[in-house]
């Protein structure tokens, strides 16, 4: 599970060959023991629980970096290491 970004204590990762969630491109976010999956396409919460204020940060980050996230999704779905993406500032 390569970490692709880290900001405000939120770890963002993408798993290799992780296309089980109806083949929806998504990321995994972790914050203080809580985990959630978010759609890259629209930022929707797919699975898990996340604090609302941190969820909004993740969704804003997805909006800003959607193109890079889709490129990373393509890499990870082929078993290749996704590239780091700038944190939310």
N, C-alpha and C. Protein backbone atom coordinates (compact mmCIF):
# COMPACT_ATOMS: atom_id res chain seq x y z
N UNK A 1 0.84 -1.18 0.00
CA UNK A 1 0.00 0.00 0.00
C UNK A 1 0.89 1.24 0.00
N UNK A 2 1.26 1.74 -1.12
CA UNK A 2 2.10 2.92 -1.19
C UNK A 2 1.35 4.18 -0.74
N UNK A 3 2.00 4.94 0.12
CA UNK A 3 1.47 6.25 0.52
C UNK A 3 1.82 7.23 -0.59
N UNK A 4 0.81 7.95 -1.06
CA UNK A 4 1.06 8.90 -2.14
C UNK A 4 1.04 10.35 -1.66
N UNK A 5 0.46 10.58 -0.45
CA UNK A 5 0.47 11.93 0.10
C UNK A 5 0.19 11.88 1.59
N UNK A 6 0.58 12.94 2.27
CA UNK A 6 0.36 13.06 3.71
C UNK A 6 0.16 14.52 4.02
N UNK A 7 -0.97 14.86 4.63
CA UNK A 7 -1.24 16.24 5.00
C UNK A 7 -2.20 16.29 6.19
N UNK A 8 -1.96 17.24 7.07
CA UNK A 8 -2.79 17.45 8.26
C UNK A 8 -3.05 16.15 9.02
N UNK A 9 -2.06 15.28 9.07
CA UNK A 9 -2.18 14.01 9.77
C UNK A 9 -2.95 12.94 9.01
N UNK A 10 -3.34 13.23 7.79
CA UNK A 10 -4.09 12.29 6.95
C UNK A 10 -3.12 11.60 6.00
N UNK A 11 -3.13 10.29 6.02
CA UNK A 11 -2.30 9.50 5.11
C UNK A 11 -3.17 9.03 3.95
N UNK A 12 -2.72 9.31 2.73
CA UNK A 12 -3.44 8.90 1.52
C UNK A 12 -2.65 7.80 0.84
N UNK A 13 -3.32 6.70 0.52
CA UNK A 13 -2.64 5.56 -0.10
C UNK A 13 -3.48 4.99 -1.24
N UNK A 14 -2.80 4.23 -2.08
CA UNK A 14 -3.43 3.50 -3.17
C UNK A 14 -2.87 2.09 -3.14
N UNK A 15 -3.74 1.11 -3.20
CA UNK A 15 -3.30 -0.29 -3.19
C UNK A 15 -3.04 -0.75 -4.62
N UNK A 16 -2.12 -1.70 -4.76
CA UNK A 16 -1.89 -2.32 -6.06
C UNK A 16 -3.05 -3.26 -6.39
N UNK A 17 -3.47 -3.28 -7.62
CA UNK A 17 -4.51 -4.18 -8.13
C UNK A 17 -5.80 -4.10 -7.30
N UNK A 18 -6.13 -2.93 -6.75
CA UNK A 18 -7.29 -2.76 -5.87
C UNK A 18 -8.49 -2.27 -6.68
N UNK A 19 -9.14 -3.19 -7.41
CA UNK A 19 -10.29 -2.80 -8.23
C UNK A 19 -11.56 -3.50 -7.78
N UNK A 20 -11.66 -3.87 -6.50
CA UNK A 20 -12.80 -4.63 -6.00
C UNK A 20 -14.05 -3.79 -5.79
N UNK A 21 -13.89 -2.52 -5.53
CA UNK A 21 -15.03 -1.66 -5.22
C UNK A 21 -15.75 -1.26 -6.51
N UNK A 22 -16.32 -2.24 -7.19
CA UNK A 22 -17.05 -2.02 -8.44
C UNK A 22 -16.18 -1.31 -9.49
N UNK A 23 -14.88 -1.53 -9.43
CA UNK A 23 -13.93 -0.96 -10.39
C UNK A 23 -13.95 0.57 -10.40
N UNK A 24 -14.37 1.18 -9.29
CA UNK A 24 -14.37 2.63 -9.17
C UNK A 24 -12.97 3.07 -8.74
N UNK A 25 -12.34 3.96 -9.49
CA UNK A 25 -11.04 4.47 -9.05
C UNK A 25 -11.19 5.15 -7.68
N UNK A 26 -10.35 4.77 -6.72
CA UNK A 26 -10.50 5.30 -5.37
C UNK A 26 -9.16 5.34 -4.64
N UNK A 27 -9.16 6.07 -3.54
CA UNK A 27 -8.01 6.16 -2.65
C UNK A 27 -8.43 5.69 -1.26
N UNK A 28 -7.43 5.41 -0.44
CA UNK A 28 -7.67 5.04 0.95
C UNK A 28 -7.06 6.14 1.82
N UNK A 29 -7.82 6.61 2.80
CA UNK A 29 -7.35 7.64 3.71
C UNK A 29 -7.37 7.10 5.13
N UNK A 30 -6.35 7.46 5.90
CA UNK A 30 -6.27 7.07 7.31
C UNK A 30 -6.01 8.31 8.14
N UNK A 31 -6.70 8.37 9.28
CA UNK A 31 -6.50 9.48 10.20
C UNK A 31 -6.83 9.01 11.61
N UNK A 32 -5.85 9.03 12.50
CA UNK A 32 -6.02 8.66 13.90
C UNK A 32 -6.83 7.38 14.09
N UNK A 33 -6.43 6.34 13.39
CA UNK A 33 -7.08 5.04 13.55
C UNK A 33 -8.35 4.85 12.74
N UNK A 34 -8.84 5.88 12.10
CA UNK A 34 -10.03 5.76 11.25
C UNK A 34 -9.59 5.61 9.80
N UNK A 35 -10.33 4.80 9.05
CA UNK A 35 -10.00 4.56 7.65
C UNK A 35 -11.24 4.72 6.79
N UNK A 36 -11.02 5.20 5.57
CA UNK A 36 -12.12 5.35 4.63
C UNK A 36 -11.58 5.28 3.21
N UNK A 37 -12.48 4.94 2.29
CA UNK A 37 -12.17 4.94 0.86
C UNK A 37 -13.00 6.03 0.20
N UNK A 38 -12.37 6.76 -0.72
CA UNK A 38 -13.04 7.86 -1.43
C UNK A 38 -12.89 7.67 -2.93
N UNK A 39 -13.95 7.96 -3.66
CA UNK A 39 -13.93 7.91 -5.11
C UNK A 39 -13.06 9.03 -5.65
N UNK A 40 -12.22 8.71 -6.62
CA UNK A 40 -11.43 9.75 -7.28
C UNK A 40 -12.33 10.56 -8.22
N UNK A 41 -13.32 9.92 -8.78
CA UNK A 41 -14.19 10.57 -9.77
C UNK A 41 -14.97 11.74 -9.18
N UNK A 42 -15.55 11.55 -8.00
CA UNK A 42 -16.39 12.60 -7.42
C UNK A 42 -16.14 12.89 -5.95
N UNK A 43 -15.15 12.23 -5.34
CA UNK A 43 -14.83 12.46 -3.94
C UNK A 43 -15.78 11.83 -2.95
N UNK A 44 -16.73 11.03 -3.43
CA UNK A 44 -17.72 10.42 -2.54
C UNK A 44 -17.07 9.43 -1.59
N UNK A 45 -17.58 9.37 -0.37
CA UNK A 45 -17.15 8.38 0.60
C UNK A 45 -17.72 7.04 0.16
N UNK A 46 -16.85 6.07 -0.10
CA UNK A 46 -17.28 4.76 -0.57
C UNK A 46 -17.44 3.77 0.57
N UNK A 47 -16.57 3.89 1.56
CA UNK A 47 -16.56 2.92 2.64
C UNK A 47 -15.81 3.49 3.83
N UNK A 48 -16.23 3.15 5.03
CA UNK A 48 -15.54 3.55 6.24
C UNK A 48 -16.13 4.77 6.89
N UNK A 49 -15.44 5.24 7.92
CA UNK A 49 -15.84 6.44 8.66
C UNK A 49 -14.66 7.39 8.71
N UNK A 50 -14.97 8.68 8.69
CA UNK A 50 -13.94 9.69 8.72
C UNK A 50 -14.53 10.94 9.36
N UNK A 51 -13.75 11.68 10.16
CA UNK A 51 -14.26 12.93 10.72
C UNK A 51 -14.66 13.88 9.59
N UNK A 52 -15.77 14.57 9.76
CA UNK A 52 -16.32 15.42 8.70
C UNK A 52 -15.31 16.46 8.23
N UNK A 53 -14.63 17.12 9.17
CA UNK A 53 -13.68 18.17 8.75
C UNK A 53 -12.51 17.59 7.97
N UNK A 54 -12.06 16.39 8.32
CA UNK A 54 -10.96 15.75 7.58
C UNK A 54 -11.46 15.20 6.25
N UNK A 55 -12.71 14.74 6.21
CA UNK A 55 -13.29 14.26 4.96
C UNK A 55 -13.35 15.39 3.94
N UNK A 56 -13.69 16.58 4.39
CA UNK A 56 -13.74 17.73 3.47
C UNK A 56 -12.36 18.08 2.93
N UNK A 57 -11.33 17.93 3.77
CA UNK A 57 -9.97 18.17 3.30
C UNK A 57 -9.57 17.16 2.22
N UNK A 58 -9.90 15.89 2.46
CA UNK A 58 -9.59 14.85 1.48
C UNK A 58 -10.34 15.13 0.17
N UNK A 59 -11.60 15.48 0.26
CA UNK A 59 -12.39 15.75 -0.94
C UNK A 59 -11.85 16.96 -1.71
N UNK A 60 -11.40 18.00 -1.00
CA UNK A 60 -10.81 19.16 -1.67
C UNK A 60 -9.51 18.76 -2.36
N UNK A 61 -8.70 17.93 -1.67
CA UNK A 61 -7.45 17.46 -2.25
C UNK A 61 -7.71 16.64 -3.51
N UNK A 62 -8.72 15.78 -3.47
CA UNK A 62 -9.08 14.98 -4.65
C UNK A 62 -9.46 15.90 -5.81
N UNK A 63 -10.26 16.90 -5.52
CA UNK A 63 -10.70 17.85 -6.56
C UNK A 63 -9.49 18.52 -7.23
N UNK A 64 -8.54 18.94 -6.43
CA UNK A 64 -7.35 19.63 -6.94
C UNK A 64 -6.46 18.70 -7.76
N UNK A 65 -6.35 17.44 -7.33
CA UNK A 65 -5.37 16.52 -7.93
C UNK A 65 -6.00 15.37 -8.71
N UNK A 66 -7.23 15.54 -9.18
CA UNK A 66 -7.95 14.44 -9.84
C UNK A 66 -7.16 13.85 -11.03
N UNK A 67 -6.57 14.69 -11.84
CA UNK A 67 -5.84 14.19 -13.02
C UNK A 67 -4.63 13.33 -12.60
N UNK A 68 -3.88 13.80 -11.63
CA UNK A 68 -2.73 13.04 -11.13
C UNK A 68 -3.18 11.75 -10.45
N UNK A 69 -4.29 11.81 -9.74
CA UNK A 69 -4.82 10.62 -9.08
C UNK A 69 -5.24 9.56 -10.10
N UNK A 70 -5.85 9.99 -11.19
CA UNK A 70 -6.24 9.03 -12.23
C UNK A 70 -5.01 8.40 -12.88
N UNK A 71 -3.96 9.18 -13.06
CA UNK A 71 -2.71 8.64 -13.61
C UNK A 71 -2.12 7.62 -12.63
N UNK A 72 -2.15 7.94 -11.34
CA UNK A 72 -1.66 7.00 -10.33
C UNK A 72 -2.53 5.75 -10.28
N UNK A 73 -3.84 5.91 -10.44
CA UNK A 73 -4.75 4.76 -10.44
C UNK A 73 -4.37 3.80 -11.57
N UNK A 74 -4.09 4.36 -12.73
CA UNK A 74 -3.68 3.53 -13.87
C UNK A 74 -2.40 2.76 -13.55
N UNK A 75 -1.45 3.41 -12.91
CA UNK A 75 -0.20 2.73 -12.54
C UNK A 75 -0.47 1.62 -11.52
N UNK A 76 -1.18 1.96 -10.45
CA UNK A 76 -1.43 0.99 -9.38
C UNK A 76 -2.24 -0.20 -9.86
N UNK A 77 -3.19 0.04 -10.77
CA UNK A 77 -4.02 -1.06 -11.26
C UNK A 77 -3.22 -2.02 -12.14
N UNK A 78 -2.06 -1.56 -12.60
CA UNK A 78 -1.15 -2.43 -13.36
C UNK A 78 -0.05 -3.02 -12.48
N UNK A 79 -0.12 -2.74 -11.17
CA UNK A 79 0.87 -3.25 -10.25
C UNK A 79 2.12 -2.40 -10.17
N UNK A 80 2.07 -1.22 -10.75
CA UNK A 80 3.22 -0.31 -10.72
C UNK A 80 3.07 0.69 -9.57
N UNK A 81 4.17 1.20 -9.08
CA UNK A 81 4.16 2.10 -7.95
C UNK A 81 3.60 3.47 -8.35
N UNK A 82 2.54 3.92 -7.68
CA UNK A 82 2.01 5.26 -7.98
C UNK A 82 3.00 6.34 -7.53
N UNK A 83 2.92 7.48 -8.17
CA UNK A 83 3.83 8.59 -7.87
C UNK A 83 3.29 9.42 -6.71
N UNK A 84 4.18 10.04 -5.94
CA UNK A 84 3.73 10.94 -4.87
C UNK A 84 2.96 12.13 -5.46
N UNK A 85 2.02 12.63 -4.69
CA UNK A 85 1.23 13.79 -5.10
C UNK A 85 1.34 14.84 -3.99
N UNK A 86 1.46 16.09 -4.38
CA UNK A 86 1.64 17.17 -3.42
C UNK A 86 0.53 17.17 -2.37
N UNK A 87 0.89 17.49 -1.14
CA UNK A 87 -0.12 17.55 -0.09
C UNK A 87 -1.00 18.79 -0.22
N UNK A 88 -2.08 18.79 0.50
CA UNK A 88 -2.95 19.97 0.59
C UNK A 88 -2.23 20.99 1.46
N UNK A 89 -2.19 22.23 0.99
CA UNK A 89 -1.49 23.27 1.76
C UNK A 89 -2.43 24.38 2.14
